[in-house]
C-alpha atoms as a PDB file:
ATOM      1  CA  MET A   1       0.000   0.000   0.000  1.00  0.00           C
ATOM      2  CA  ARG A   2       2.823   2.399   0.746  1.00  0.00           C
ATOM      3  CA  LEU A   3       4.104   1.929  -2.797  1.00  0.00           C
ATOM      4  CA  VAL A   4       0.701   3.102  -4.032  1.00  0.00           C
ATOM      5  CA  VAL A   5       0.187   5.980  -1.606  1.00  0.00           C
ATOM      6  CA  TRP A   6       3.658   7.529  -1.898  1.00  0.00           C
ATOM      7  CA  PRO A   7       3.501   8.260  -5.677  1.00  0.00           C
ATOM      8  CA  SER A   8      -0.107   9.394  -5.273  1.00  0.00           C
ATOM      9  CA  MET A   9       0.875  11.853  -2.558  1.00  0.00           C
ATOM     10  CA  THR A  10       3.739  13.170  -4.684  1.00  0.00           C
ATOM     11  CA  GLN A  11       1.449  13.625  -7.687  1.00  0.00           C
ATOM     12  CA  VAL A  12      -1.242  15.365  -5.651  1.00  0.00           C
ATOM     13  CA  ILE A  13       1.243  17.854  -4.207  1.00  0.00           C
ATOM     14  CA  VAL A  14       2.772  18.560  -7.636  1.00  0.00           C
ATOM     15  CA  LEU A  15      -0.696  19.155  -9.101  1.00  0.00           C
ATOM     16  CA  SER A  16      -1.651  21.441  -6.229  1.00  0.00           C
ATOM     17  CA  VAL A  17       1.483  23.544  -6.716  1.00  0.00           C
ATOM     18  CA  GLN A  18       0.821  23.742 -10.460  1.00  0.00           C
ATOM     19  CA  SER A  19      -2.751  24.829  -9.785  1.00  0.00           C
ATOM     20  CA  VAL A  20      -1.786  27.632  -7.422  1.00  0.00           C
ATOM     21  CA  MET A  21       0.947  28.827  -9.802  1.00  0.00           C
ATOM     22  CA  GLN A  22      -1.675  29.075 -12.558  1.00  0.00           C
ATOM     23  CA  GLY A  23      -4.062  30.963 -10.282  1.00  0.00           C
ATOM     24  CA  ARG A  24      -6.668  28.203 -10.064  1.00  0.00           C
ATOM     25  CA  ILE A  25      -7.248  28.469  -6.335  1.00  0.00           C
ATOM     26  CA  ASN A  26     -10.376  26.289  -6.195  1.00  0.00           C
ATOM     27  CA  GLN A  27      -8.547  23.460  -7.925  1.00  0.00           C
ATOM     28  CA  TYR A  28      -5.599  23.996  -5.576  1.00  0.00           C
ATOM     29  CA  LYS A  29      -7.908  23.645  -2.564  1.00  0.00           C
ATOM     30  CA  ALA A  30      -9.357  20.406  -3.952  1.00  0.00           C
ATOM     31  CA  TRP A  31      -5.881  18.923  -4.487  1.00  0.00           C
ATOM     32  CA  MET A  32      -4.781  19.929  -1.003  1.00  0.00           C
ATOM     33  CA  ILE A  33      -7.844  18.268   0.524  1.00  0.00           C
ATOM     34  CA  ARG A  34      -6.836  15.099  -1.291  1.00  0.00           C
ATOM     35  CA  ALA A  35      -3.264  15.430  -0.001  1.00  0.00           C
ATOM     36  CA  TYR A  36      -4.557  15.907   3.544  1.00  0.00           C
ATOM     37  CA  SER A  37      -6.710  12.805   3.215  1.00  0.00           C
ATOM     38  CA  LEU A  38      -3.762  10.698   2.053  1.00  0.00           C
ATOM     39  CA  GLY A  39      -1.624  12.033   4.896  1.00  0.00           C
ATOM     40  CA  HIS A  40      -4.367  11.415   7.418  1.00  0.00           C
ATOM     41  CA  GLY A  41      -4.615   7.802   6.287  1.00  0.00           C
ATOM     42  CA  ALA A  42      -0.887   7.341   6.802  1.00  0.00           C
ATOM     43  CA  GLY A  43      -1.133   8.896  10.256  1.00  0.00           C
ATOM     44  CA  SER A  44      -3.944   6.580  11.277  1.00  0.00           C
ATOM     45  CA  GLN A  45      -1.611   3.612  10.803  1.00  0.00           C
ATOM     46  CA  VAL A  46      -0.112   4.397  14.210  1.00  0.00           C
ATOM     47  CA  LEU A  47      -3.522   4.317  15.865  1.00  0.00           C
ATOM     48  CA  ILE A  48      -4.228   0.888  14.405  1.00  0.00           C
ATOM     49  CA  MET A  49      -0.754  -0.666  14.549  1.00  0.00           C
ATOM     50  CA  LEU A  50       0.310   0.457  18.042  1.00  0.00           C
ATOM     51  CA  PRO A  51      -2.414  -1.303  20.074  1.00  0.00           C
ATOM     52  CA  MET A  52      -2.138  -4.457  17.985  1.00  0.00           C
ATOM     53  CA  THR A  53       1.641  -4.489  18.400  1.00  0.00           C
ATOM     54  CA  LEU A  54       1.332  -4.011  22.149  1.00  0.00           C
ATOM     55  CA  ILE A  55      -1.265  -6.784  22.430  1.00  0.00           C
ATOM     56  CA  ALA A  56       0.167  -9.367  20.023  1.00  0.00           C
ATOM     57  CA  SER A  57       3.849  -8.334  19.906  1.00  0.00           C
ATOM     58  CA  ALA A  58       5.379  -7.996  16.441  1.00  0.00           C
ATOM     59  CA  PRO A  59       2.806  -8.877  13.764  1.00  0.00           C
ATOM     60  CA  THR A  60       3.655 -11.129  10.858  1.00  0.00           C
ATOM     61  CA  PHE A  61       4.248  -9.547   7.473  1.00  0.00           C
ATOM     62  CA  PHE A  62       0.801 -10.517   6.205  1.00  0.00           C
ATOM     63  CA  PHE A  63      -0.983  -9.261   9.332  1.00  0.00           C
ATOM     64  CA  ARG A  64       1.032  -6.034   9.235  1.00  0.00           C
ATOM     65  CA  ASP A  65       0.036  -5.475   5.605  1.00  0.00           C
ATOM     66  CA  VAL A  66      -3.619  -6.044   6.491  1.00  0.00           C
ATOM     67  CA  LEU A  67      -3.366  -3.474   9.306  1.00  0.00           C
ATOM     68  CA  ILE A  68      -1.630  -0.917   7.082  1.00  0.00           C
ATOM     69  CA  THR A  69      -4.238  -1.361   4.354  1.00  0.00           C
ATOM     70  CA  SER A  70      -7.078  -0.983   6.853  1.00  0.00           C
ATOM     71  CA  ALA A  71      -5.608   2.305   8.054  1.00  0.00           C
END
């Protein structure tokens, strides 16, 4: 999932900068909302992974990937 989100986040930020440079502020705002949403999803990984790690120790690779995707 991180290999999907990282290029998406980069593209969204590039498009938002292009929009503001061209004076399209409404489009800039829309792109920044998308960037915030992607960042918020990455931040929620801690809220999901931390309790599970504390309860079940280190998760397996498959279980970790399921937790990251659910975040």
